[in-house]
């Protein structure tokens, strides 16, 4: 019983530490090295921390593909960023809730580019109604946040490995923006709330990031991270302790561009640019292997 209490307290303190780090980051976007010649994909790049990530990468001269399901919203964001940075992102049509769309996006990207330095899996949906399903019939949050990103990464693996072979001293990176929440429950989907389903989808990505590092660690750097609790317009007056959107991009910019992050394969970052501690259940390689295998089965027959 005592051990259970200690574990609960440690998990609670870890959660508070992630949500309210209580200090400014010692690393900022200005510390990013020049990104000239580097090719990047940012999912969900037309809004939120994805948009801020695209902006900062453009300022450092990267070639950035803004992956979004809405051409109109993406083009509006691209025009805005061009005014702010003097550089233009490239629209990549991608609906993570449709495996066919994921495949089309990869086909389009690989027809234009010969290498890929960083894949930012930062897009997603949150707390959608329980009756909302993906185009392939899965829970919308699972289908978008987990399965869509898994399939995207799988299809991009050949170009990631090719990039690694070309420059083994600058391995390509897979950066997943997630939150550490409970995925242990086996309750049926209908018994879970939309937030619980969101929790499962995002925590699954942490497990998959570690499994990616285990399988391809000598060729690809895989890092998962918590972006921080961010202050949106809707809650800015309710909780001023939450952080502005630009701070939410710091961890993933660090993970994708910092030379020091080359040593963080399989690790989990918490705000701001600190190593987080994962529960033993998430570090168990059998959990990652089983989840990876299950998702491979779900996508193996996509036309």
C-alpha atoms as a PDB file:
ATOM      1  CA  UNK A   1       0.000   0.000   0.000  1.00  0.00           C
ATOM      2  CA  UNK A   2       2.813   2.384   0.875  1.00  0.00           C
ATOM      3  CA  UNK A   3       4.444   1.831  -2.514  1.00  0.00           C
ATOM      4  CA  UNK A   4       1.136   2.571  -4.251  1.00  0.00           C
ATOM      5  CA  UNK A   5       0.816   5.857  -2.374  1.00  0.00           C
ATOM      6  CA  UNK A   6       4.389   6.839  -3.224  1.00  0.00           C
ATOM      7  CA  UNK A   7       3.818   6.083  -6.904  1.00  0.00           C
ATOM      8  CA  UNK A   8       0.589   8.116  -6.902  1.00  0.00           C
ATOM      9  CA  UNK A   9       2.340  11.096  -5.308  1.00  0.00           C
ATOM     10  CA  UNK A  10       5.236  10.887  -7.753  1.00  0.00           C
ATOM     11  CA  UNK A  11       2.876  10.715 -10.731  1.00  0.00           C
ATOM     12  CA  UNK A  12       0.889  13.674  -9.382  1.00  0.00           C
ATOM     13  CA  UNK A  13       4.015  15.781  -8.899  1.00  0.00           C
ATOM     14  CA  UNK A  14       5.239  14.819 -12.360  1.00  0.00           C
ATOM     15  CA  UNK A  15       1.929  15.997 -13.814  1.00  0.00           C
ATOM     16  CA  UNK A  16       2.143  19.333 -11.992  1.00  0.00           C
ATOM     17  CA  UNK A  17       5.734  19.689 -13.159  1.00  0.00           C
ATOM     18  CA  UNK A  18       4.639  19.202 -16.765  1.00  0.00           C
ATOM     19  CA  UNK A  19       1.618  21.469 -16.597  1.00  0.00           C
ATOM     20  CA  UNK A  20       3.229  24.344 -14.702  1.00  0.00           C
ATOM     21  CA  UNK A  21       7.013  24.240 -15.105  1.00  0.00           C
ATOM     22  CA  UNK A  22       7.314  27.530 -13.250  1.00  0.00           C
ATOM     23  CA  UNK A  23      10.246  28.925 -15.196  1.00  0.00           C
ATOM     24  CA  UNK A  24      11.133  30.278 -18.586  1.00  0.00           C
ATOM     25  CA  UNK A  25      13.019  28.164 -21.059  1.00  0.00           C
ATOM     26  CA  UNK A  26      16.774  28.608 -21.208  1.00  0.00           C
ATOM     27  CA  UNK A  27      16.530  27.622 -24.892  1.00  0.00           C
ATOM     28  CA  UNK A  28      14.624  29.767 -27.387  1.00  0.00           C
ATOM     29  CA  UNK A  29      13.863  29.653 -31.090  1.00  0.00           C
ATOM     30  CA  UNK A  30      16.697  32.126 -31.615  1.00  0.00           C
ATOM     31  CA  UNK A  31      19.091  29.349 -30.577  1.00  0.00           C
ATOM     32  CA  UNK A  32      18.119  27.189 -33.553  1.00  0.00           C
ATOM     33  CA  UNK A  33      20.929  26.639 -36.036  1.00  0.00           C
ATOM     34  CA  UNK A  34      20.386  27.651 -39.645  1.00  0.00           C
ATOM     35  CA  UNK A  35      18.090  25.171 -41.395  1.00  0.00           C
ATOM     36  CA  UNK A  36      19.107  25.858 -44.994  1.00  0.00           C
ATOM     37  CA  UNK A  37      18.846  22.738 -47.129  1.00  0.00           C
ATOM     38  CA  UNK A  38      16.678  20.904 -44.606  1.00  0.00           C
ATOM     39  CA  UNK A  39      13.214  19.654 -45.604  1.00  0.00           C
ATOM     40  CA  UNK A  40      10.499  19.438 -42.960  1.00  0.00           C
ATOM     41  CA  UNK A  41       6.865  18.307 -42.725  1.00  0.00           C
ATOM     42  CA  UNK A  42       4.648  19.785 -39.997  1.00  0.00           C
ATOM     43  CA  UNK A  43       1.234  18.180 -39.546  1.00  0.00           C
ATOM     44  CA  UNK A  44      -1.388  20.591 -38.283  1.00  0.00           C
ATOM     45  CA  UNK A  45       0.896  23.343 -39.477  1.00  0.00           C
ATOM     46  CA  UNK A  46      -1.797  25.903 -40.220  1.00  0.00           C
ATOM     47  CA  UNK A  47      -2.764  26.612 -36.590  1.00  0.00           C
ATOM     48  CA  UNK A  48      -1.568  26.600 -32.980  1.00  0.00           C
ATOM     49  CA  UNK A  49       1.893  25.311 -32.163  1.00  0.00           C
ATOM     50  CA  UNK A  50       2.125  23.811 -35.645  1.00  0.00           C
ATOM     51  CA  UNK A  51       1.814  27.282 -37.157  1.00  0.00           C
ATOM     52  CA  UNK A  52       4.405  28.690 -34.757  1.00  0.00           C
ATOM     53  CA  UNK A  53       6.728  25.811 -35.607  1.00  0.00           C
ATOM     54  CA  UNK A  54       6.394  26.497 -39.334  1.00  0.00           C
ATOM     55  CA  UNK A  55       7.058  30.194 -38.742  1.00  0.00           C
ATOM     56  CA  UNK A  56      10.250  29.659 -36.773  1.00  0.00           C
ATOM     57  CA  UNK A  57      11.566  27.098 -39.247  1.00  0.00           C
ATOM     58  CA  UNK A  58      10.940  29.484 -42.151  1.00  0.00           C
ATOM     59  CA  UNK A  59      12.857  32.187 -40.288  1.00  0.00           C
ATOM     60  CA  UNK A  60      15.789  29.771 -40.173  1.00  0.00           C
ATOM     61  CA  UNK A  61      15.544  29.042 -43.936  1.00  0.00           C
ATOM     62  CA  UNK A  62      14.066  25.536 -43.872  1.00  0.00           C
ATOM     63  CA  UNK A  63      11.904  24.166 -46.670  1.00  0.00           C
ATOM     64  CA  UNK A  64       8.643  23.547 -44.816  1.00  0.00           C
ATOM     65  CA  UNK A  65       5.613  21.545 -45.923  1.00  0.00           C
ATOM     66  CA  UNK A  66       2.500  22.668 -44.075  1.00  0.00           C
ATOM     67  CA  UNK A  67       0.372  19.516 -43.913  1.00  0.00           C
ATOM     68  CA  UNK A  68      -3.307  20.345 -43.466  1.00  0.00           C
ATOM     69  CA  UNK A  69      -6.690  18.991 -44.519  1.00  0.00           C
ATOM     70  CA  UNK A  70      -8.020  22.459 -45.380  1.00  0.00           C
ATOM     71  CA  UNK A  71      -6.421  24.113 -48.384  1.00  0.00           C
ATOM     72  CA  UNK A  72      -8.180  27.402 -47.655  1.00  0.00           C
ATOM     73  CA  UNK A  73      -6.979  27.632 -44.043  1.00  0.00           C
ATOM     74  CA  UNK A  74      -3.507  26.528 -45.033  1.00  0.00           C
ATOM     75  CA  UNK A  75      -3.223  29.066 -47.840  1.00  0.00           C
ATOM     76  CA  UNK A  76      -4.386  31.832 -45.508  1.00  0.00           C
ATOM     77  CA  UNK A  77      -1.721  30.795 -43.005  1.00  0.00           C
ATOM     78  CA  UNK A  78       0.928  30.572 -45.718  1.00  0.00           C
ATOM     79  CA  UNK A  79       0.161  34.128 -46.881  1.00  0.00           C
ATOM     80  CA  UNK A  80       0.307  35.387 -43.291  1.00  0.00           C
ATOM     81  CA  UNK A  81       3.658  33.708 -42.627  1.00  0.00           C
ATOM     82  CA  UNK A  82       5.102  34.973 -45.893  1.00  0.00           C
ATOM     83  CA  UNK A  83       4.382  38.511 -44.737  1.00  0.00           C
ATOM     84  CA  UNK A  84       6.015  37.812 -41.369  1.00  0.00           C
ATOM     85  CA  UNK A  85       9.036  35.824 -42.535  1.00  0.00           C
ATOM     86  CA  UNK A  86       9.607  36.676 -46.181  1.00  0.00           C
ATOM     87  CA  UNK A  87       9.525  32.963 -46.981  1.00  0.00           C
ATOM     88  CA  UNK A  88       6.718  30.746 -48.229  1.00  0.00           C
ATOM     89  CA  UNK A  89       5.681  27.379 -46.818  1.00  0.00           C
ATOM     90  CA  UNK A  90       4.412  24.665 -49.165  1.00  0.00           C
ATOM     91  CA  UNK A  91       0.901  23.312 -48.781  1.00  0.00           C
ATOM     92  CA  UNK A  92       0.581  19.536 -48.467  1.00  0.00           C
ATOM     93  CA  UNK A  93      -2.988  18.269 -48.423  1.00  0.00           C
ATOM     94  CA  UNK A  94      -3.296  15.777 -45.596  1.00  0.00           C
ATOM     95  CA  UNK A  95      -6.328  14.535 -43.706  1.00  0.00           C
ATOM     96  CA  UNK A  96      -5.008  12.301 -40.933  1.00  0.00           C
ATOM     97  CA  UNK A  97      -8.510  10.914 -40.406  1.00  0.00           C
ATOM     98  CA  UNK A  98      -8.335   9.269 -43.844  1.00  0.00           C
ATOM     99  CA  UNK A  99      -5.677   6.653 -44.553  1.00  0.00           C
ATOM    100  CA  UNK A 100      -6.212   7.168 -48.285  1.00  0.00           C
ATOM    101  CA  UNK A 101      -5.472  10.873 -47.836  1.00  0.00           C
ATOM    102  CA  UNK A 102      -2.308  10.011 -45.898  1.00  0.00           C
ATOM    103  CA  UNK A 103      -1.126   7.827 -48.768  1.00  0.00           C
ATOM    104  CA  UNK A 104      -1.896  10.520 -51.336  1.00  0.00           C
ATOM    105  CA  UNK A 105       0.007  13.098 -49.288  1.00  0.00           C
ATOM    106  CA  UNK A 106       3.083  10.881 -49.111  1.00  0.00           C
ATOM    107  CA  UNK A 107       2.901  10.197 -52.843  1.00  0.00           C
ATOM    108  CA  UNK A 108       2.760  13.937 -53.514  1.00  0.00           C
ATOM    109  CA  UNK A 109       5.615  14.730 -51.150  1.00  0.00           C
ATOM    110  CA  UNK A 110       7.944  12.012 -52.447  1.00  0.00           C
ATOM    111  CA  UNK A 111       7.280  13.100 -56.026  1.00  0.00           C
ATOM    112  CA  UNK A 112       8.760  16.503 -55.138  1.00  0.00           C
ATOM    113  CA  UNK A 113      11.478  15.783 -52.566  1.00  0.00           C
ATOM    114  CA  UNK A 114      14.383  13.372 -52.337  1.00  0.00           C
ATOM    115  CA  UNK A 115      14.987  13.690 -48.613  1.00  0.00           C
ATOM    116  CA  UNK A 116      13.179  14.495 -45.367  1.00  0.00           C
ATOM    117  CA  UNK A 117      15.044  15.775 -42.321  1.00  0.00           C
ATOM    118  CA  UNK A 118      12.255  16.196 -39.780  1.00  0.00           C
ATOM    119  CA  UNK A 119       8.699  14.918 -39.504  1.00  0.00           C
ATOM    120  CA  UNK A 120       6.713  16.855 -36.905  1.00  0.00           C
ATOM    121  CA  UNK A 121       3.665  14.810 -35.910  1.00  0.00           C
ATOM    122  CA  UNK A 122       1.959  17.738 -34.201  1.00  0.00           C
ATOM    123  CA  UNK A 123      -1.536  17.729 -35.717  1.00  0.00           C
ATOM    124  CA  UNK A 124      -4.600  16.181 -34.167  1.00  0.00           C
ATOM    125  CA  UNK A 125      -8.098  16.556 -32.784  1.00  0.00           C
ATOM    126  CA  UNK A 126      -9.265  16.733 -29.186  1.00  0.00           C
ATOM    127  CA  UNK A 127     -12.385  15.685 -27.278  1.00  0.00           C
ATOM    128  CA  UNK A 128     -14.510  15.097 -30.370  1.00  0.00           C
ATOM    129  CA  UNK A 129     -18.036  13.668 -29.872  1.00  0.00           C
ATOM    130  CA  UNK A 130     -18.141   9.919 -29.259  1.00  0.00           C
ATOM    131  CA  UNK A 131     -20.114   9.296 -32.449  1.00  0.00           C
ATOM    132  CA  UNK A 132     -17.508  10.925 -34.694  1.00  0.00           C
ATOM    133  CA  UNK A 133     -15.535   8.378 -36.710  1.00  0.00           C
ATOM    134  CA  UNK A 134     -12.618   8.583 -39.091  1.00  0.00           C
ATOM    135  CA  UNK A 135     -13.083   7.923 -42.806  1.00  0.00           C
ATOM    136  CA  UNK A 136     -11.963   4.351 -42.112  1.00  0.00           C
ATOM    137  CA  UNK A 137     -14.470   3.754 -39.311  1.00  0.00           C
ATOM    138  CA  UNK A 138     -12.245   4.271 -36.263  1.00  0.00           C
ATOM    139  CA  UNK A 139     -12.827   6.566 -33.320  1.00  0.00           C
ATOM    140  CA  UNK A 140     -11.947   9.987 -34.748  1.00  0.00           C
ATOM    141  CA  UNK A 141      -9.290  10.776 -32.148  1.00  0.00           C
ATOM    142  CA  UNK A 142      -7.614   7.379 -32.459  1.00  0.00           C
ATOM    143  CA  UNK A 143      -7.905   7.446 -36.241  1.00  0.00           C
ATOM    144  CA  UNK A 144      -6.402  10.934 -36.470  1.00  0.00           C
ATOM    145  CA  UNK A 145      -3.949  11.270 -33.610  1.00  0.00           C
ATOM    146  CA  UNK A 146      -2.592   7.735 -33.515  1.00  0.00           C
ATOM    147  CA  UNK A 147      -3.362   5.672 -36.618  1.00  0.00           C
ATOM    148  CA  UNK A 148      -3.041   8.535 -39.113  1.00  0.00           C
ATOM    149  CA  UNK A 149       0.348   9.584 -37.782  1.00  0.00           C
ATOM    150  CA  UNK A 150       1.529   5.971 -37.542  1.00  0.00           C
ATOM    151  CA  UNK A 151       0.629   5.320 -41.178  1.00  0.00           C
ATOM    152  CA  UNK A 152       2.205   8.602 -42.265  1.00  0.00           C
ATOM    153  CA  UNK A 153       5.446   7.673 -40.514  1.00  0.00           C
ATOM    154  CA  UNK A 154       5.373   4.162 -41.982  1.00  0.00           C
ATOM    155  CA  UNK A 155       4.946   5.429 -45.541  1.00  0.00           C
ATOM    156  CA  UNK A 156       7.685   8.042 -45.080  1.00  0.00           C
ATOM    157  CA  UNK A 157      10.111   5.497 -43.644  1.00  0.00           C
ATOM    158  CA  UNK A 158      11.871   4.819 -46.992  1.00  0.00           C
ATOM    159  CA  UNK A 159      12.699   8.495 -47.535  1.00  0.00           C
ATOM    160  CA  UNK A 160      13.697   8.914 -43.875  1.00  0.00           C
ATOM    161  CA  UNK A 161      16.071   5.970 -44.130  1.00  0.00           C
ATOM    162  CA  UNK A 162      17.417   7.283 -47.435  1.00  0.00           C
ATOM    163  CA  UNK A 163      18.087  10.644 -45.779  1.00  0.00           C
ATOM    164  CA  UNK A 164      19.906   8.915 -42.941  1.00  0.00           C
ATOM    165  CA  UNK A 165      22.100   7.004 -45.378  1.00  0.00           C
ATOM    166  CA  UNK A 166      23.032  10.206 -47.204  1.00  0.00           C
ATOM    167  CA  UNK A 167      24.093  11.995 -44.025  1.00  0.00           C
ATOM    168  CA  UNK A 168      24.501   9.614 -41.058  1.00  0.00           C
ATOM    169  CA  UNK A 169      25.895  12.427 -38.898  1.00  0.00           C
ATOM    170  CA  UNK A 170      22.597  14.296 -39.158  1.00  0.00           C
ATOM    171  CA  UNK A 171      19.973  11.598 -38.725  1.00  0.00           C
ATOM    172  CA  UNK A 172      16.386  12.491 -39.646  1.00  0.00           C
ATOM    173  CA  UNK A 173      14.042  13.061 -36.729  1.00  0.00           C
ATOM    174  CA  UNK A 174      10.506  12.038 -35.903  1.00  0.00           C
ATOM    175  CA  UNK A 175       9.031  14.427 -33.336  1.00  0.00           C
ATOM    176  CA  UNK A 176       5.665  13.581 -31.753  1.00  0.00           C
ATOM    177  CA  UNK A 177       3.745  16.154 -29.741  1.00  0.00           C
ATOM    178  CA  UNK A 178       1.843  14.282 -27.056  1.00  0.00           C
ATOM    179  CA  UNK A 179       0.746  14.291 -23.436  1.00  0.00           C
ATOM    180  CA  UNK A 180       1.455  11.672 -20.823  1.00  0.00           C
ATOM    181  CA  UNK A 181      -1.928  10.316 -19.733  1.00  0.00           C
ATOM    182  CA  UNK A 182      -3.430   6.978 -18.781  1.00  0.00           C
ATOM    183  CA  UNK A 183      -3.647   4.363 -21.516  1.00  0.00           C
ATOM    184  CA  UNK A 184      -3.834   1.336 -19.216  1.00  0.00           C
ATOM    185  CA  UNK A 185      -7.635   1.106 -19.137  1.00  0.00           C
ATOM    186  CA  UNK A 186      -9.169  -1.617 -21.290  1.00  0.00           C
ATOM    187  CA  UNK A 187     -12.683  -0.223 -21.008  1.00  0.00           C
ATOM    188  CA  UNK A 188     -14.835  -0.371 -24.080  1.00  0.00           C
ATOM    189  CA  UNK A 189     -14.800   2.786 -26.180  1.00  0.00           C
ATOM    190  CA  UNK A 190     -18.399   3.728 -25.411  1.00  0.00           C
ATOM    191  CA  UNK A 191     -17.617   3.786 -21.692  1.00  0.00           C
ATOM    192  CA  UNK A 192     -14.873   6.366 -22.115  1.00  0.00           C
ATOM    193  CA  UNK A 193     -15.337  10.113 -22.275  1.00  0.00           C
ATOM    194  CA  UNK A 194     -14.015  12.093 -25.261  1.00  0.00           C
ATOM    195  CA  UNK A 195     -11.149  13.355 -23.072  1.00  0.00           C
ATOM    196  CA  UNK A 196     -10.247   9.824 -22.017  1.00  0.00           C
ATOM    197  CA  UNK A 197     -10.176   8.741 -25.653  1.00  0.00           C
ATOM    198  CA  UNK A 198      -7.951  11.728 -26.408  1.00  0.00           C
ATOM    199  CA  UNK A 199      -5.693  10.687 -23.541  1.00  0.00           C
ATOM    200  CA  UNK A 200      -5.362   7.192 -24.943  1.00  0.00           C
ATOM    201  CA  UNK A 201      -4.604   8.380 -28.459  1.00  0.00           C
ATOM    202  CA  UNK A 202      -1.867  10.768 -27.355  1.00  0.00           C
ATOM    203  CA  UNK A 203      -0.251   8.395 -24.865  1.00  0.00           C
ATOM    204  CA  UNK A 204      -0.168   5.717 -27.561  1.00  0.00           C
ATOM    205  CA  UNK A 205       2.012   8.071 -29.596  1.00  0.00           C
ATOM    206  CA  UNK A 206       4.572   8.195 -26.781  1.00  0.00           C
ATOM    207  CA  UNK A 207       4.725   4.404 -26.796  1.00  0.00           C
ATOM    208  CA  UNK A 208       5.077   4.376 -30.583  1.00  0.00           C
ATOM    209  CA  UNK A 209       7.844   6.979 -30.472  1.00  0.00           C
ATOM    210  CA  UNK A 210       9.832   4.786 -28.093  1.00  0.00           C
ATOM    211  CA  UNK A 211       9.202   1.752 -30.287  1.00  0.00           C
ATOM    212  CA  UNK A 212      10.346   3.698 -33.348  1.00  0.00           C
ATOM    213  CA  UNK A 213      13.550   4.563 -31.504  1.00  0.00           C
ATOM    214  CA  UNK A 214      14.009   0.902 -30.547  1.00  0.00           C
ATOM    215  CA  UNK A 215      13.510  -0.335 -34.101  1.00  0.00           C
ATOM    216  CA  UNK A 216      15.356   2.378 -36.045  1.00  0.00           C
ATOM    217  CA  UNK A 217      17.489   4.103 -33.415  1.00  0.00           C
ATOM    218  CA  UNK A 218      20.713   3.685 -35.359  1.00  0.00           C
ATOM    219  CA  UNK A 219      19.199   5.579 -38.303  1.00  0.00           C
ATOM    220  CA  UNK A 220      16.357   7.807 -37.029  1.00  0.00           C
ATOM    221  CA  UNK A 221      15.962   9.967 -33.915  1.00  0.00           C
ATOM    222  CA  UNK A 222      12.482   9.635 -32.359  1.00  0.00           C
ATOM    223  CA  UNK A 223      11.449  12.037 -29.594  1.00  0.00           C
ATOM    224  CA  UNK A 224       8.037  12.523 -27.972  1.00  0.00           C
ATOM    225  CA  UNK A 225       7.127  15.560 -25.925  1.00  0.00           C
ATOM    226  CA  UNK A 226       4.576  17.507 -23.915  1.00  0.00           C
ATOM    227  CA  UNK A 227       4.117  21.008 -25.396  1.00  0.00           C
ATOM    228  CA  UNK A 228       2.859  22.557 -22.145  1.00  0.00           C
ATOM    229  CA  UNK A 229      -0.587  23.797 -21.209  1.00  0.00           C
ATOM    230  CA  UNK A 230      -1.284  26.659 -23.558  1.00  0.00           C
ATOM    231  CA  UNK A 231      -3.397  29.784 -23.246  1.00  0.00           C
ATOM    232  CA  UNK A 232      -5.860  30.128 -26.098  1.00  0.00           C
ATOM    233  CA  UNK A 233      -8.173  33.050 -26.700  1.00  0.00           C
ATOM    234  CA  UNK A 234     -11.030  31.104 -25.138  1.00  0.00           C
ATOM    235  CA  UNK A 235      -9.344  30.657 -21.762  1.00  0.00           C
ATOM    236  CA  UNK A 236      -6.872  33.544 -21.611  1.00  0.00           C
ATOM    237  CA  UNK A 237      -8.972  35.372 -19.041  1.00  0.00           C
ATOM    238  CA  UNK A 238      -9.810  32.242 -17.068  1.00  0.00           C
ATOM    239  CA  UNK A 239      -6.334  30.951 -16.306  1.00  0.00           C
ATOM    240  CA  UNK A 240      -3.471  33.416 -16.898  1.00  0.00           C
ATOM    241  CA  UNK A 241      -1.035  30.755 -15.595  1.00  0.00           C
ATOM    242  CA  UNK A 242      -1.353  28.941 -18.922  1.00  0.00           C
ATOM    243  CA  UNK A 243       1.336  29.664 -21.484  1.00  0.00           C
ATOM    244  CA  UNK A 244       1.185  31.506 -24.833  1.00  0.00           C
ATOM    245  CA  UNK A 245       1.120  29.440 -28.020  1.00  0.00           C
ATOM    246  CA  UNK A 246       4.653  30.381 -29.076  1.00  0.00           C
ATOM    247  CA  UNK A 247       6.029  28.681 -25.960  1.00  0.00           C
ATOM    248  CA  UNK A 248       4.231  25.481 -26.930  1.00  0.00           C
ATOM    249  CA  UNK A 249       6.471  25.183 -29.989  1.00  0.00           C
ATOM    250  CA  UNK A 250       9.738  25.358 -28.031  1.00  0.00           C
ATOM    251  CA  UNK A 251      10.020  21.684 -27.137  1.00  0.00           C
ATOM    252  CA  UNK A 252       9.373  20.435 -30.633  1.00  0.00           C
ATOM    253  CA  UNK A 253      11.644  23.016 -32.242  1.00  0.00           C
ATOM    254  CA  UNK A 254      14.398  21.931 -29.869  1.00  0.00           C
ATOM    255  CA  UNK A 255      13.739  18.261 -30.570  1.00  0.00           C
ATOM    256  CA  UNK A 256      13.802  18.786 -34.324  1.00  0.00           C
ATOM    257  CA  UNK A 257      16.712  21.197 -34.720  1.00  0.00           C
ATOM    258  CA  UNK A 258      19.066  21.216 -31.749  1.00  0.00           C
ATOM    259  CA  UNK A 259      22.335  19.277 -32.150  1.00  0.00           C
ATOM    260  CA  UNK A 260      22.030  18.268 -28.490  1.00  0.00           C
ATOM    261  CA  UNK A 261      18.703  16.534 -29.222  1.00  0.00           C
ATOM    262  CA  UNK A 262      20.577  13.952 -31.308  1.00  0.00           C
ATOM    263  CA  UNK A 263      21.295  12.297 -27.953  1.00  0.00           C
ATOM    264  CA  UNK A 264      17.626  12.085 -26.941  1.00  0.00           C
ATOM    265  CA  UNK A 265      16.479   9.144 -29.030  1.00  0.00           C
ATOM    266  CA  UNK A 266      13.473   7.492 -27.387  1.00  0.00           C
ATOM    267  CA  UNK A 267      13.201  10.203 -24.745  1.00  0.00           C
ATOM    268  CA  UNK A 268      10.235  12.272 -23.583  1.00  0.00           C
ATOM    269  CA  UNK A 269      10.541  16.048 -23.191  1.00  0.00           C
ATOM    270  CA  UNK A 270       8.490  18.180 -20.817  1.00  0.00           C
ATOM    271  CA  UNK A 271       8.294  21.995 -20.632  1.00  0.00           C
ATOM    272  CA  UNK A 272      10.611  23.596 -21.124  1.00  0.00           C
ATOM    273  CA  UNK A 273      13.283  21.508 -22.817  1.00  0.00           C
ATOM    274  CA  UNK A 274      13.628  19.059 -19.917  1.00  0.00           C
ATOM    275  CA  UNK A 275      13.643  15.290 -19.784  1.00  0.00           C
ATOM    276  CA  UNK A 276      10.454  13.776 -18.393  1.00  0.00           C
ATOM    277  CA  UNK A 277      10.137  10.486 -16.566  1.00  0.00           C
ATOM    278  CA  UNK A 278       7.827   7.865 -18.054  1.00  0.00           C
ATOM    279  CA  UNK A 279       5.963   5.216 -16.067  1.00  0.00           C
ATOM    280  CA  UNK A 280       7.511   1.761 -16.275  1.00  0.00           C
ATOM    281  CA  UNK A 281       4.476   0.477 -18.203  1.00  0.00           C
ATOM    282  CA  UNK A 282       5.249   2.843 -21.077  1.00  0.00           C
ATOM    283  CA  UNK A 283       8.907   1.863 -21.113  1.00  0.00           C
ATOM    284  CA  UNK A 284       8.104  -1.836 -21.393  1.00  0.00           C
ATOM    285  CA  UNK A 285       9.248  -2.841 -24.916  1.00  0.00           C
ATOM    286  CA  UNK A 286       6.605  -5.566 -25.122  1.00  0.00           C
ATOM    287  CA  UNK A 287       3.886  -2.885 -24.879  1.00  0.00           C
ATOM    288  CA  UNK A 288       5.398  -0.936 -27.770  1.00  0.00           C
ATOM    289  CA  UNK A 289       5.926  -4.044 -29.860  1.00  0.00           C
ATOM    290  CA  UNK A 290       2.340  -5.170 -29.350  1.00  0.00           C
ATOM    291  CA  UNK A 291       0.868  -1.742 -30.160  1.00  0.00           C
ATOM    292  CA  UNK A 292       3.069  -1.381 -33.250  1.00  0.00           C
ATOM    293  CA  UNK A 293       2.030  -4.807 -34.495  1.00  0.00           C
ATOM    294  CA  UNK A 294      -1.654  -4.050 -33.937  1.00  0.00           C
ATOM    295  CA  UNK A 295      -1.472  -0.825 -35.934  1.00  0.00           C
ATOM    296  CA  UNK A 296       0.432  -2.539 -38.741  1.00  0.00           C
ATOM    297  CA  UNK A 297      -2.459  -4.963 -39.050  1.00  0.00           C
ATOM    298  CA  UNK A 298      -4.930  -2.080 -39.316  1.00  0.00           C
ATOM    299  CA  UNK A 299      -3.099  -0.356 -42.178  1.00  0.00           C
ATOM    300  CA  UNK A 300      -1.667  -3.297 -44.124  1.00  0.00           C
ATOM    301  CA  UNK A 301      -4.563  -3.516 -46.586  1.00  0.00           C
ATOM    302  CA  UNK A 302      -4.992   0.183 -47.339  1.00  0.00           C
ATOM    303  CA  UNK A 303      -5.432   0.564 -51.087  1.00  0.00           C
END
